[in-house]
Amino acid sequence: HLQRSLELLRTDHIDLWQMHVLINPADWET
């Protein structure tokens, strides 16, 4: 996903990369 974001945004770095909607306990454990 990060590689795709970098390509679409036409940049070599992201200032802030975030884990999105991390509220499900099972997802959190993974």
PDB file of all heavy atoms in Angstrom:
ATOM      1  N   HIS A   1       0.824  -1.207   0.000  1.00  0.00           N
ATOM      2  CA  HIS A   1       0.000   0.000   0.000  1.00  0.00           C
ATOM      3  C   HIS A   1       0.860   1.259   0.000  1.00  0.00           C
ATOM      4  O   HIS A   1       0.549   2.230  -0.695  1.00  0.00           O
ATOM      5  CB  HIS A   1      -0.917   0.007   1.225  1.00  0.00           C
ATOM      6  CG  HIS A   1      -2.344  -0.324   0.900  1.00  0.00           C
ATOM      7  ND1 HIS A   1      -3.375  -0.065   1.765  1.00  0.00           N
ATOM      8  CD2 HIS A   1      -2.913  -0.864  -0.211  1.00  0.00           C
ATOM      9  CE1 HIS A   1      -4.517  -0.459   1.211  1.00  0.00           C
ATOM     10  NE2 HIS A   1      -4.255  -0.947   0.020  1.00  0.00           N
ATOM     11  N   LEU A   2       1.928   1.250   0.779  1.00  0.00           N
ATOM     12  CA  LEU A   2       2.792   2.423   0.827  1.00  0.00           C
ATOM     13  C   LEU A   2       3.419   2.693  -0.534  1.00  0.00           C
ATOM     14  O   LEU A   2       3.475   3.842  -0.985  1.00  0.00           O
ATOM     15  CB  LEU A   2       3.884   2.245   1.873  1.00  0.00           C
ATOM     16  CG  LEU A   2       4.879   3.404   1.977  1.00  0.00           C
ATOM     17  CD1 LEU A   2       4.169   4.715   2.315  1.00  0.00           C
ATOM     18  CD2 LEU A   2       5.959   3.095   3.007  1.00  0.00           C
ATOM     19  N   GLN A   3       3.878   1.648  -1.179  1.00  0.00           N
ATOM     20  CA  GLN A   3       4.475   1.824  -2.507  1.00  0.00           C
ATOM     21  C   GLN A   3       3.463   2.391  -3.492  1.00  0.00           C
ATOM     22  O   GLN A   3       3.779   3.282  -4.289  1.00  0.00           O
ATOM     23  CB  GLN A   3       5.019   0.494  -3.023  1.00  0.00           C
ATOM     24  CG  GLN A   3       5.812   0.603  -4.317  1.00  0.00           C
ATOM     25  CD  GLN A   3       6.975   1.574  -4.222  1.00  0.00           C
ATOM     26  OE1 GLN A   3       7.723   1.544  -3.249  1.00  0.00           O
ATOM     27  NE2 GLN A   3       7.119   2.446  -5.208  1.00  0.00           N
ATOM     28  N   ARG A   4       2.232   1.900  -3.411  1.00  0.00           N
ATOM     29  CA  ARG A   4       1.182   2.414  -4.291  1.00  0.00           C
ATOM     30  C   ARG A   4       0.911   3.889  -3.990  1.00  0.00           C
ATOM     31  O   ARG A   4       0.757   4.708  -4.904  1.00  0.00           O
ATOM     32  CB  ARG A   4      -0.090   1.594  -4.110  1.00  0.00           C
ATOM     33  CG  ARG A   4      -1.307   2.134  -4.871  1.00  0.00           C
ATOM     34  CD  ARG A   4      -2.500   1.197  -4.744  1.00  0.00           C
ATOM     35  NE  ARG A   4      -3.713   1.817  -5.238  1.00  0.00           N
ATOM     36  CZ  ARG A   4      -4.045   1.928  -6.525  1.00  0.00           C
ATOM     37  NH1 ARG A   4      -3.203   1.483  -7.449  1.00  0.00           N
ATOM     38  NH2 ARG A   4      -5.177   2.492  -6.884  1.00  0.00           N
ATOM     39  N   SER A   5       0.852   4.244  -2.711  1.00  0.00           N
ATOM     40  CA  SER A   5       0.607   5.639  -2.330  1.00  0.00           C
ATOM     41  C   SER A   5       1.715   6.544  -2.853  1.00  0.00           C
ATOM     42  O   SER A   5       1.442   7.643  -3.369  1.00  0.00           O
ATOM     43  CB  SER A   5       0.495   5.761  -0.808  1.00  0.00           C
ATOM     44  OG  SER A   5      -0.671   5.122  -0.331  1.00  0.00           O
ATOM     45  N   LEU A   6       2.950   6.131  -2.706  1.00  0.00           N
ATOM     46  CA  LEU A   6       4.074   6.935  -3.182  1.00  0.00           C
ATOM     47  C   LEU A   6       3.984   7.166  -4.688  1.00  0.00           C
ATOM     48  O   LEU A   6       4.234   8.271  -5.184  1.00  0.00           O
ATOM     49  CB  LEU A   6       5.396   6.254  -2.828  1.00  0.00           C
ATOM     50  CG  LEU A   6       5.749   6.204  -1.342  1.00  0.00           C
ATOM     51  CD1 LEU A   6       6.942   5.280  -1.114  1.00  0.00           C
ATOM     52  CD2 LEU A   6       6.041   7.597  -0.805  1.00  0.00           C
ATOM     53  N   GLU A   7       3.611   6.132  -5.412  1.00  0.00           N
ATOM     54  CA  GLU A   7       3.506   6.252  -6.870  1.00  0.00           C
ATOM     55  C   GLU A   7       2.361   7.185  -7.259  1.00  0.00           C
ATOM     56  O   GLU A   7       2.520   8.064  -8.113  1.00  0.00           O
ATOM     57  CB  GLU A   7       3.294   4.870  -7.491  1.00  0.00           C
ATOM     58  CG  GLU A   7       4.514   3.955  -7.375  1.00  0.00           C
ATOM     59  CD  GLU A   7       4.222   2.546  -7.822  1.00  0.00           C
ATOM     60  OE1 GLU A   7       3.045   2.252  -8.186  1.00  0.00           O
ATOM     61  OE2 GLU A   7       5.141   1.707  -7.784  1.00  0.00           O
ATOM     62  N   LEU A   8       1.197   7.007  -6.642  1.00  0.00           N
ATOM     63  CA  LEU A   8       0.046   7.832  -6.989  1.00  0.00           C
ATOM     64  C   LEU A   8       0.257   9.288  -6.591  1.00  0.00           C
ATOM     65  O   LEU A   8      -0.155  10.206  -7.316  1.00  0.00           O
ATOM     66  CB  LEU A   8      -1.213   7.289  -6.307  1.00  0.00           C
ATOM     67  CG  LEU A   8      -1.757   5.963  -6.838  1.00  0.00           C
ATOM     68  CD1 LEU A   8      -2.882   5.460  -5.945  1.00  0.00           C
ATOM     69  CD2 LEU A   8      -2.245   6.098  -8.267  1.00  0.00           C
ATOM     70  N   LEU A   9       0.903   9.509  -5.454  1.00  0.00           N
ATOM     71  CA  LEU A   9       1.125  10.864  -4.961  1.00  0.00           C
ATOM     72  C   LEU A   9       2.349  11.521  -5.590  1.00  0.00           C
ATOM     73  O   LEU A   9       2.625  12.703  -5.326  1.00  0.00           O
ATOM     74  CB  LEU A   9       1.263  10.840  -3.432  1.00  0.00           C
ATOM     75  CG  LEU A   9      -0.031  10.536  -2.674  1.00  0.00           C
ATOM     76  CD1 LEU A   9       0.254  10.175  -1.218  1.00  0.00           C
ATOM     77  CD2 LEU A   9      -0.996  11.718  -2.748  1.00  0.00           C
ATOM     78  N   ARG A  10       3.101  10.771  -6.366  1.00  0.00           N
ATOM     79  CA  ARG A  10       4.257  11.291  -7.105  1.00  0.00           C
ATOM     80  C   ARG A  10       5.293  11.917  -6.167  1.00  0.00           C
ATOM     81  O   ARG A  10       5.745  13.044  -6.353  1.00  0.00           O
ATOM     82  CB  ARG A  10       3.812  12.300  -8.167  1.00  0.00           C
ATOM     83  CG  ARG A  10       2.790  11.755  -9.163  1.00  0.00           C
ATOM     84  CD  ARG A  10       2.566  12.732 -10.299  1.00  0.00           C
ATOM     85  NE  ARG A  10       1.417  12.356 -11.107  1.00  0.00           N
ATOM     86  CZ  ARG A  10       1.024  13.013 -12.197  1.00  0.00           C
ATOM     87  NH1 ARG A  10       1.698  14.097 -12.591  1.00  0.00           N
ATOM     88  NH2 ARG A  10      -0.041  12.630 -12.885  1.00  0.00           N
ATOM     89  N   THR A  11       5.641  11.158  -5.145  1.00  0.00           N
ATOM     90  CA  THR A  11       6.618  11.634  -4.181  1.00  0.00           C
ATOM     91  C   THR A  11       7.494  10.473  -3.735  1.00  0.00           C
ATOM     92  O   THR A  11       7.113   9.309  -3.895  1.00  0.00           O
ATOM     93  CB  THR A  11       5.920  12.266  -2.961  1.00  0.00           C
ATOM     94  OG1 THR A  11       6.901  12.791  -2.067  1.00  0.00           O
ATOM     95  CG2 THR A  11       5.057  11.261  -2.217  1.00  0.00           C
ATOM     96  N   ASP A  12       8.648  10.798  -3.164  1.00  0.00           N
ATOM     97  CA  ASP A  12       9.541   9.745  -2.688  1.00  0.00           C
ATOM     98  C   ASP A  12       9.417   9.502  -1.192  1.00  0.00           C
ATOM     99  O   ASP A  12      10.088   8.636  -0.641  1.00  0.00           O
ATOM    100  CB  ASP A  12      10.998  10.064  -3.048  1.00  0.00           C
ATOM    101  CG  ASP A  12      11.499  11.348  -2.401  1.00  0.00           C
ATOM    102  OD1 ASP A  12      10.712  12.015  -1.695  1.00  0.00           O
ATOM    103  OD2 ASP A  12      12.687  11.687  -2.604  1.00  0.00           O
ATOM    104  N   HIS A  13       8.540  10.264  -0.526  1.00  0.00           N
ATOM    105  CA  HIS A  13       8.336  10.026   0.902  1.00  0.00           C
ATOM    106  C   HIS A  13       7.001  10.618   1.357  1.00  0.00           C
ATOM    107  O   HIS A  13       6.491  11.553   0.760  1.00  0.00           O
ATOM    108  CB  HIS A  13       9.473  10.628   1.739  1.00  0.00           C
ATOM    109  CG  HIS A  13       9.411  12.124   1.829  1.00  0.00           C
ATOM    110  ND1 HIS A  13       9.832  12.957   0.816  1.00  0.00           N
ATOM    111  CD2 HIS A  13       8.951  12.949   2.826  1.00  0.00           C
ATOM    112  CE1 HIS A  13       9.665  14.215   1.167  1.00  0.00           C
ATOM    113  NE2 HIS A  13       9.122  14.240   2.384  1.00  0.00           N
ATOM    114  N   ILE A  14       6.478  10.054   2.424  1.00  0.00           N
ATOM    115  CA  ILE A  14       5.271  10.540   3.086  1.00  0.00           C
ATOM    116  C   ILE A  14       5.712  11.190   4.404  1.00  0.00           C
ATOM    117  O   ILE A  14       6.587  10.671   5.094  1.00  0.00           O
ATOM    118  CB  ILE A  14       4.303   9.372   3.390  1.00  0.00           C
ATOM    119  CG1 ILE A  14       3.906   8.637   2.105  1.00  0.00           C
ATOM    120  CG2 ILE A  14       3.071   9.873   4.131  1.00  0.00           C
ATOM    121  CD1 ILE A  14       3.185   9.468   1.103  1.00  0.00           C
ATOM    122  N   ASP A  15       5.120  12.312   4.739  1.00  0.00           N
ATOM    123  CA  ASP A  15       5.464  12.932   6.016  1.00  0.00           C
ATOM    124  C   ASP A  15       4.851  12.177   7.192  1.00  0.00           C
ATOM    125  O   ASP A  15       5.472  12.051   8.249  1.00  0.00           O
ATOM    126  CB  ASP A  15       5.011  14.397   6.026  1.00  0.00           C
ATOM    127  CG  ASP A  15       5.807  15.235   5.037  1.00  0.00           C
ATOM    128  OD1 ASP A  15       7.044  15.237   5.118  1.00  0.00           O
ATOM    129  OD2 ASP A  15       5.176  15.872   4.159  1.00  0.00           O
ATOM    130  N   LEU A  16       3.619  11.695   7.017  1.00  0.00           N
ATOM    131  CA  LEU A  16       2.943  10.962   8.088  1.00  0.00           C
ATOM    132  C   LEU A  16       2.187   9.786   7.489  1.00  0.00           C
ATOM    133  O   LEU A  16       1.289   9.968   6.668  1.00  0.00           O
ATOM    134  CB  LEU A  16       1.967  11.887   8.833  1.00  0.00           C
ATOM    135  CG  LEU A  16       1.097  11.240   9.906  1.00  0.00           C
ATOM    136  CD1 LEU A  16       1.943  10.707  11.060  1.00  0.00           C
ATOM    137  CD2 LEU A  16       0.043  12.238  10.421  1.00  0.00           C
ATOM    138  N   TRP A  17       2.557   8.586   7.915  1.00  0.00           N
ATOM    139  CA  TRP A  17       1.872   7.372   7.462  1.00  0.00           C
ATOM    140  C   TRP A  17       1.102   6.817   8.655  1.00  0.00           C
ATOM    141  O   TRP A  17       1.647   6.686   9.746  1.00  0.00           O
ATOM    142  CB  TRP A  17       2.880   6.351   6.952  1.00  0.00           C
ATOM    143  CG  TRP A  17       2.267   5.204   6.200  1.00  0.00           C
ATOM    144  CD1 TRP A  17       1.097   5.212   5.498  1.00  0.00           C
ATOM    145  CD2 TRP A  17       2.813   3.887   6.066  1.00  0.00           C
ATOM    146  NE1 TRP A  17       0.869   3.981   4.914  1.00  0.00           N
ATOM    147  CE2 TRP A  17       1.911   3.148   5.250  1.00  0.00           C
ATOM    148  CE3 TRP A  17       3.964   3.265   6.532  1.00  0.00           C
ATOM    149  CZ2 TRP A  17       2.133   1.820   4.910  1.00  0.00           C
ATOM    150  CZ3 TRP A  17       4.198   1.935   6.196  1.00  0.00           C
ATOM    151  CH2 TRP A  17       3.298   1.225   5.385  1.00  0.00           C
ATOM    152  N   GLN A  18      -0.188   6.506   8.432  1.00  0.00           N
ATOM    153  CA  GLN A  18      -1.067   6.161   9.541  1.00  0.00           C
ATOM    154  C   GLN A  18      -1.754   4.814   9.365  1.00  0.00           C
ATOM    155  O   GLN A  18      -2.190   4.473   8.262  1.00  0.00           O
ATOM    156  CB  GLN A  18      -2.140   7.251   9.696  1.00  0.00           C
ATOM    157  CG  GLN A  18      -1.554   8.629   9.951  1.00  0.00           C
ATOM    158  CD  GLN A  18      -2.549   9.726   9.587  1.00  0.00           C
ATOM    159  OE1 GLN A  18      -3.189  10.286  10.451  1.00  0.00           O
ATOM    160  NE2 GLN A  18      -2.672  10.036   8.302  1.00  0.00           N
ATOM    161  N   MET A  19      -1.869   4.079  10.462  1.00  0.00           N
ATOM    162  CA  MET A  19      -2.712   2.884  10.494  1.00  0.00           C
ATOM    163  C   MET A  19      -4.141   3.371  10.598  1.00  0.00           C
ATOM    164  O   MET A  19      -4.514   4.019  11.581  1.00  0.00           O
ATOM    165  CB  MET A  19      -2.355   1.998  11.693  1.00  0.00           C
ATOM    166  CG  MET A  19      -0.988   1.367  11.615  1.00  0.00           C
ATOM    167  SD  MET A  19      -0.796   0.123  12.921  1.00  0.00           S
ATOM    168  CE  MET A  19       0.930  -0.263  12.761  1.00  0.00           C
ATOM    169  N   HIS A  20      -4.950   3.046   9.595  1.00  0.00           N
ATOM    170  CA  HIS A  20      -6.273   3.646   9.460  1.00  0.00           C
ATOM    171  C   HIS A  20      -7.360   2.803  10.116  1.00  0.00           C
ATOM    172  O   HIS A  20      -7.408   1.588   9.959  1.00  0.00           O
ATOM    173  CB  HIS A  20      -6.583   3.818   7.969  1.00  0.00           C
ATOM    174  CG  HIS A  20      -7.710   4.754   7.678  1.00  0.00           C
ATOM    175  ND1 HIS A  20      -8.101   5.743   8.537  1.00  0.00           N
ATOM    176  CD2 HIS A  20      -8.548   4.851   6.603  1.00  0.00           C
ATOM    177  CE1 HIS A  20      -9.111   6.418   8.003  1.00  0.00           C
ATOM    178  NE2 HIS A  20      -9.405   5.885   6.847  1.00  0.00           N
ATOM    179  N   VAL A  21      -8.230   3.468  10.888  1.00  0.00           N
ATOM    180  CA  VAL A  21      -9.395   2.852  11.548  1.00  0.00           C
ATOM    181  C   VAL A  21      -8.981   1.604  12.334  1.00  0.00           C
ATOM    182  O   VAL A  21      -9.582   0.540  12.208  1.00  0.00           O
ATOM    183  CB  VAL A  21     -10.502   2.496  10.534  1.00  0.00           C
ATOM    184  CG1 VAL A  21     -11.839   2.330  11.250  1.00  0.00           C
ATOM    185  CG2 VAL A  21     -10.637   3.543   9.443  1.00  0.00           C
ATOM    186  N   LEU A  22      -7.964   1.749  13.151  1.00  0.00           N
ATOM    187  CA  LEU A  22      -7.472   0.610  13.926  1.00  0.00           C
ATOM    188  C   LEU A  22      -8.230   0.548  15.253  1.00  0.00           C
ATOM    189  O   LEU A  22      -7.749   0.992  16.297  1.00  0.00           O
ATOM    190  CB  LEU A  22      -5.962   0.743  14.169  1.00  0.00           C
ATOM    191  CG  LEU A  22      -5.292  -0.503  14.757  1.00  0.00           C
ATOM    192  CD1 LEU A  22      -5.457  -1.701  13.812  1.00  0.00           C
ATOM    193  CD2 LEU A  22      -3.827  -0.253  15.047  1.00  0.00           C
ATOM    194  N   ILE A  23      -9.430  -0.032  15.210  1.00  0.00           N
ATOM    195  CA  ILE A  23     -10.279  -0.096  16.397  1.00  0.00           C
ATOM    196  C   ILE A  23     -10.773  -1.516  16.688  1.00  0.00           C
ATOM    197  O   ILE A  23     -11.239  -1.785  17.792  1.00  0.00           O
ATOM    198  CB  ILE A  23     -11.505   0.832  16.254  1.00  0.00           C
ATOM    199  CG1 ILE A  23     -12.269   0.499  14.975  1.00  0.00           C
ATOM    200  CG2 ILE A  23     -11.086   2.300  16.278  1.00  0.00           C
ATOM    201  CD1 ILE A  23     -13.597   1.203  14.870  1.00  0.00           C
ATOM    202  N   ASN A  24     -10.656  -2.423  15.722  1.00  0.00           N
ATOM    203  CA  ASN A  24     -11.095  -3.805  15.920  1.00  0.00           C
ATOM    204  C   ASN A  24      -9.995  -4.572  16.657  1.00  0.00           C
ATOM    205  O   ASN A  24      -8.851  -4.589  16.212  1.00  0.00           O
ATOM    206  CB  ASN A  24     -11.391  -4.450  14.567  1.00  0.00           C
ATOM    207  CG  ASN A  24     -11.841  -5.888  14.702  1.00  0.00           C
ATOM    208  OD1 ASN A  24     -11.028  -6.771  14.929  1.00  0.00           O
ATOM    209  ND2 ASN A  24     -13.134  -6.114  14.553  1.00  0.00           N
ATOM    210  N   PRO A  25     -10.317  -5.202  17.789  1.00  0.00           N
ATOM    211  CA  PRO A  25      -9.276  -5.897  18.562  1.00  0.00           C
ATOM    212  C   PRO A  25      -8.513  -6.954  17.768  1.00  0.00           C
ATOM    213  O   PRO A  25      -7.292  -7.088  17.930  1.00  0.00           O
ATOM    214  CB  PRO A  25     -10.067  -6.527  19.710  1.00  0.00           C
ATOM    215  CG  PRO A  25     -11.246  -5.630  19.887  1.00  0.00           C
ATOM    216  CD  PRO A  25     -11.610  -5.184  18.490  1.00  0.00           C
ATOM    217  N   ALA A  26      -9.198  -7.688  16.914  1.00  0.00           N
ATOM    218  CA  ALA A  26      -8.512  -8.710  16.124  1.00  0.00           C
ATOM    219  C   ALA A  26      -7.548  -8.066  15.125  1.00  0.00           C
ATOM    220  O   ALA A  26      -6.410  -8.527  14.937  1.00  0.00           O
ATOM    221  CB  ALA A  26      -9.538  -9.584  15.395  1.00  0.00           C
ATOM    222  N   ASP A  27      -8.001  -7.002  14.473  1.00  0.00           N
ATOM    223  CA  ASP A  27      -7.120  -6.269  13.563  1.00  0.00           C
ATOM    224  C   ASP A  27      -5.915  -5.708  14.309  1.00  0.00           C
ATOM    225  O   ASP A  27      -4.790  -5.696  13.792  1.00  0.00           O
ATOM    226  CB  ASP A  27      -7.880  -5.112  12.911  1.00  0.00           C
ATOM    227  CG  ASP A  27      -8.852  -5.566  11.840  1.00  0.00           C
ATOM    228  OD1 ASP A  27      -8.819  -6.755  11.489  1.00  0.00           O
ATOM    229  OD2 ASP A  27      -9.646  -4.736  11.371  1.00  0.00           O
ATOM    230  N   TRP A  28      -6.171  -5.201  15.512  1.00  0.00           N
ATOM    231  CA  TRP A  28      -5.106  -4.629  16.337  1.00  0.00           C
ATOM    232  C   TRP A  28      -4.039  -5.687  16.638  1.00  0.00           C
ATOM    233  O   TRP A  28      -2.837  -5.420  16.520  1.00  0.00           O
ATOM    234  CB  TRP A  28      -5.715  -4.086  17.622  1.00  0.00           C
ATOM    235  CG  TRP A  28      -4.802  -3.224  18.440  1.00  0.00           C
ATOM    236  CD1 TRP A  28      -4.689  -1.868  18.392  1.00  0.00           C
ATOM    237  CD2 TRP A  28      -3.894  -3.672  19.450  1.00  0.00           C
ATOM    238  NE1 TRP A  28      -3.746  -1.438  19.311  1.00  0.00           N
ATOM    239  CE2 TRP A  28      -3.246  -2.524  19.965  1.00  0.00           C
ATOM    240  CE3 TRP A  28      -3.550  -4.923  19.964  1.00  0.00           C
ATOM    241  CZ2 TRP A  28      -2.289  -2.596  20.979  1.00  0.00           C
ATOM    242  CZ3 TRP A  28      -2.585  -4.991  20.971  1.00  0.00           C
ATOM    243  CH2 TRP A  28      -1.988  -3.845  21.467  1.00  0.00           C
ATOM    244  N   GLU A  29      -4.466  -6.872  17.019  1.00  0.00           N
ATOM    245  CA  GLU A  29      -3.524  -7.945  17.320  1.00  0.00           C
ATOM    246  C   GLU A  29      -2.708  -8.319  16.084  1.00  0.00           C
ATOM    247  O   GLU A  29      -1.495  -8.562  16.182  1.00  0.00           O
ATOM    248  CB  GLU A  29      -4.262  -9.170  17.855  1.00  0.00           C
ATOM    249  CG  GLU A  29      -4.919  -8.982  19.208  1.00  0.00           C
ATOM    250  CD  GLU A  29      -3.923  -8.805  20.348  1.00  0.00           C
ATOM    251  OE1 GLU A  29      -2.729  -9.093  20.152  1.00  0.00           O
ATOM    252  OE2 GLU A  29      -4.353  -8.369  21.435  1.00  0.00           O
ATOM    253  N   THR A  30      -3.346  -8.350  14.932  1.00  0.00           N
ATOM    254  CA  THR A  30      -2.618  -8.664  13.694  1.00  0.00           C
ATOM    255  C   THR A  30      -1.597  -7.582  13.372  1.00  0.00           C
ATOM    256  O   THR A  30      -0.443  -7.870  13.055  1.00  0.00           O
ATOM    257  CB  THR A  30      -3.603  -8.807  12.521  1.00  0.00           C
ATOM    258  OG1 THR A  30      -4.521  -9.869  12.799  1.00  0.00           O
ATOM    259  CG2 THR A  30      -2.863  -9.109  11.219  1.00  0.00           C
TER     260      THR A  30
END
